[in-house]
C-alpha cells in the first residue's frame, strides 16, 4: 500500500524543510512544495496529494486562503 502524500506550501525555506521532515517522520510521502499560491495551484492539480499544509501569508499575489479557495 502506498503511503498518504502531503504537499507543503510555504515561502520560507527553513519552515518548508521542517514541515517536510514532519511529514516524512510518521511515514507520509512528500508530493511537493511551492512558495507561491499560483505555483501551488498548478503543482497540487498535478500531484493530487492527500493533505496540503498551507501557510496563510505567501509570496506572490495569492495568499494561502485565496489559494485554498
N, C-alpha and C. Protein backbone atom coordinates (compact mmCIF):
# COMPACT_ATOMS: atom_id res chain seq x y z
N UNK A 1 0.84 -1.18 0.00
CA UNK A 1 0.00 0.00 0.00
C UNK A 1 0.88 1.25 0.00
N UNK A 2 0.50 2.20 -0.80
CA UNK A 2 1.25 3.45 -0.94
C UNK A 2 0.94 4.39 0.22
N UNK A 3 1.97 5.06 0.80
CA UNK A 3 1.71 5.97 1.91
C UNK A 3 0.93 7.21 1.45
N UNK A 4 0.17 7.79 2.36
CA UNK A 4 -0.53 9.04 2.06
C UNK A 4 0.51 10.11 1.74
N UNK A 5 0.13 11.05 0.88
CA UNK A 5 1.08 12.09 0.48
C UNK A 5 0.63 13.46 0.96
N UNK A 6 1.62 14.28 1.26
CA UNK A 6 1.36 15.65 1.70
C UNK A 6 2.09 16.63 0.80
N UNK A 7 1.56 17.83 0.71
CA UNK A 7 2.15 18.89 -0.10
C UNK A 7 2.34 20.10 0.79
N UNK A 8 3.49 20.75 0.71
CA UNK A 8 3.82 21.88 1.57
C UNK A 8 3.82 23.17 0.76
N UNK A 9 3.03 24.14 1.20
CA UNK A 9 3.00 25.46 0.57
C UNK A 9 3.51 26.45 1.61
N UNK A 10 4.75 26.88 1.43
CA UNK A 10 5.42 27.75 2.40
C UNK A 10 6.52 28.51 1.69
N UNK A 11 6.58 29.83 1.91
CA UNK A 11 7.58 30.64 1.21
C UNK A 11 8.89 30.79 1.97
N UNK A 12 8.97 30.34 3.19
CA UNK A 12 10.23 30.37 3.93
C UNK A 12 10.88 28.99 3.88
N UNK A 13 12.07 28.91 3.30
CA UNK A 13 12.73 27.63 3.03
C UNK A 13 12.95 26.80 4.29
N UNK A 14 13.37 27.42 5.38
CA UNK A 14 13.63 26.67 6.61
C UNK A 14 12.35 26.06 7.18
N UNK A 15 11.28 26.80 7.12
CA UNK A 15 10.00 26.30 7.63
C UNK A 15 9.49 25.18 6.72
N UNK A 16 9.61 25.36 5.41
CA UNK A 16 9.18 24.32 4.46
C UNK A 16 9.96 23.03 4.69
N UNK A 17 11.26 23.14 4.91
CA UNK A 17 12.09 21.97 5.16
C UNK A 17 11.66 21.27 6.45
N UNK A 18 11.37 22.03 7.47
CA UNK A 18 10.88 21.49 8.74
C UNK A 18 9.56 20.74 8.56
N UNK A 19 8.65 21.33 7.79
CA UNK A 19 7.36 20.69 7.54
C UNK A 19 7.51 19.40 6.74
N UNK A 20 8.43 19.40 5.78
CA UNK A 20 8.68 18.17 5.02
C UNK A 20 9.17 17.06 5.94
N UNK A 21 10.10 17.39 6.84
CA UNK A 21 10.61 16.40 7.79
C UNK A 21 9.50 15.91 8.71
N UNK A 22 8.61 16.81 9.10
CA UNK A 22 7.48 16.43 9.95
C UNK A 22 6.55 15.46 9.23
N UNK A 23 6.37 15.63 7.94
CA UNK A 23 5.54 14.70 7.16
C UNK A 23 6.21 13.34 7.00
N UNK A 24 7.49 13.34 6.73
CA UNK A 24 8.22 12.10 6.47
C UNK A 24 8.36 11.25 7.74
N UNK A 25 8.51 11.89 8.87
CA UNK A 25 8.75 11.19 10.13
C UNK A 25 7.72 10.10 10.43
N UNK A 26 6.41 10.36 10.33
CA UNK A 26 5.44 9.30 10.60
C UNK A 26 5.12 8.42 9.38
N UNK A 27 5.79 8.69 8.24
CA UNK A 27 5.62 7.82 7.08
C UNK A 27 4.87 8.40 5.90
N UNK A 28 4.54 9.68 5.93
CA UNK A 28 3.91 10.29 4.76
C UNK A 28 4.94 10.50 3.66
N UNK A 29 4.48 10.50 2.42
CA UNK A 29 5.32 10.87 1.29
C UNK A 29 5.12 12.37 1.05
N UNK A 30 6.14 13.05 0.57
CA UNK A 30 6.02 14.47 0.23
C UNK A 30 5.82 14.58 -1.27
N UNK A 31 4.63 15.03 -1.67
CA UNK A 31 4.30 15.14 -3.09
C UNK A 31 4.98 16.33 -3.74
N UNK A 32 5.33 17.35 -2.94
CA UNK A 32 6.00 18.51 -3.49
C UNK A 32 5.88 19.71 -2.58
N UNK A 33 6.48 20.80 -3.04
CA UNK A 33 6.43 22.06 -2.30
C UNK A 33 6.21 23.21 -3.28
N UNK A 34 5.72 24.32 -2.75
CA UNK A 34 5.54 25.53 -3.55
C UNK A 34 5.75 26.73 -2.64
N UNK A 35 6.23 27.83 -3.23
CA UNK A 35 6.47 29.06 -2.48
C UNK A 35 5.37 30.10 -2.69
N UNK A 36 4.63 29.98 -3.77
CA UNK A 36 3.57 30.95 -4.07
C UNK A 36 2.25 30.23 -4.27
N UNK A 37 1.17 30.97 -4.09
CA UNK A 37 -0.15 30.39 -4.30
C UNK A 37 -0.37 29.96 -5.74
N UNK A 38 0.17 30.75 -6.65
CA UNK A 38 -0.01 30.44 -8.08
C UNK A 38 0.66 29.10 -8.43
N UNK A 39 1.90 28.92 -8.00
CA UNK A 39 2.58 27.66 -8.32
C UNK A 39 1.99 26.49 -7.53
N UNK A 40 1.47 26.77 -6.33
CA UNK A 40 0.84 25.72 -5.54
C UNK A 40 -0.38 25.16 -6.26
N UNK A 41 -1.20 26.03 -6.81
CA UNK A 41 -2.39 25.57 -7.54
C UNK A 41 -2.02 24.62 -8.67
N UNK A 42 -1.01 24.99 -9.45
CA UNK A 42 -0.58 24.15 -10.57
C UNK A 42 -0.05 22.81 -10.10
N UNK A 43 0.87 22.86 -9.13
CA UNK A 43 1.52 21.63 -8.66
C UNK A 43 0.56 20.70 -7.93
N UNK A 44 -0.36 21.26 -7.16
CA UNK A 44 -1.34 20.43 -6.44
C UNK A 44 -2.27 19.75 -7.43
N UNK A 45 -2.65 20.45 -8.49
CA UNK A 45 -3.50 19.85 -9.52
C UNK A 45 -2.79 18.68 -10.20
N UNK A 46 -1.48 18.79 -10.36
CA UNK A 46 -0.69 17.72 -11.00
C UNK A 46 -0.48 16.53 -10.08
N UNK A 47 -0.14 16.79 -8.81
CA UNK A 47 0.27 15.72 -7.90
C UNK A 47 -0.88 15.10 -7.11
N UNK A 48 -1.98 15.83 -6.92
CA UNK A 48 -3.16 15.36 -6.19
C UNK A 48 -2.80 14.72 -4.84
N UNK A 49 -2.20 15.51 -3.93
CA UNK A 49 -1.82 14.98 -2.62
C UNK A 49 -3.05 14.71 -1.75
N UNK A 50 -2.86 13.90 -0.71
CA UNK A 50 -3.93 13.61 0.25
C UNK A 50 -4.10 14.74 1.27
N UNK A 51 -3.03 15.49 1.50
CA UNK A 51 -3.01 16.53 2.53
C UNK A 51 -2.20 17.71 2.03
N UNK A 52 -2.66 18.93 2.32
CA UNK A 52 -1.91 20.14 1.96
C UNK A 52 -1.69 20.95 3.24
N UNK A 53 -0.43 21.26 3.53
CA UNK A 53 -0.08 22.15 4.62
C UNK A 53 0.19 23.51 4.00
N UNK A 54 -0.68 24.50 4.30
CA UNK A 54 -0.64 25.79 3.62
C UNK A 54 -0.39 26.93 4.59
N UNK A 55 0.62 27.73 4.29
CA UNK A 55 0.86 28.96 5.03
C UNK A 55 -0.18 29.98 4.59
N UNK A 56 -0.60 30.85 5.49
CA UNK A 56 -1.58 31.87 5.12
C UNK A 56 -0.91 33.01 4.37
N UNK A 57 0.25 33.45 4.84
CA UNK A 57 0.96 34.57 4.22
C UNK A 57 2.02 34.02 3.27
N UNK A 58 1.82 34.21 1.97
CA UNK A 58 2.71 33.66 0.95
C UNK A 58 3.27 34.77 0.07
N UNK A 59 4.38 34.49 -0.55
CA UNK A 59 4.92 35.39 -1.58
C UNK A 59 3.97 35.33 -2.78
N UNK A 60 3.98 36.35 -3.60
CA UNK A 60 3.12 36.37 -4.77
C UNK A 60 1.81 37.11 -4.49
N UNK A 61 0.89 37.05 -5.43
CA UNK A 61 -0.35 37.80 -5.30
C UNK A 61 -1.44 37.07 -4.53
N UNK A 62 -1.40 35.74 -4.50
CA UNK A 62 -2.39 34.96 -3.77
C UNK A 62 -1.90 34.60 -2.38
N UNK A 63 -2.72 34.82 -1.36
CA UNK A 63 -2.35 34.34 -0.03
C UNK A 63 -2.84 32.89 0.12
N UNK A 64 -2.58 32.30 1.26
CA UNK A 64 -2.97 30.91 1.47
C UNK A 64 -4.47 30.68 1.42
N UNK A 65 -5.24 31.63 1.94
CA UNK A 65 -6.69 31.49 1.94
C UNK A 65 -7.24 31.56 0.51
N UNK A 66 -6.75 32.50 -0.28
CA UNK A 66 -7.16 32.60 -1.68
C UNK A 66 -6.76 31.39 -2.49
N UNK A 67 -5.60 30.85 -2.20
CA UNK A 67 -5.11 29.66 -2.89
C UNK A 67 -5.99 28.46 -2.57
N UNK A 68 -6.32 28.30 -1.30
CA UNK A 68 -7.15 27.17 -0.89
C UNK A 68 -8.57 27.26 -1.48
N UNK A 69 -9.04 28.47 -1.66
CA UNK A 69 -10.38 28.67 -2.21
C UNK A 69 -10.45 28.21 -3.64
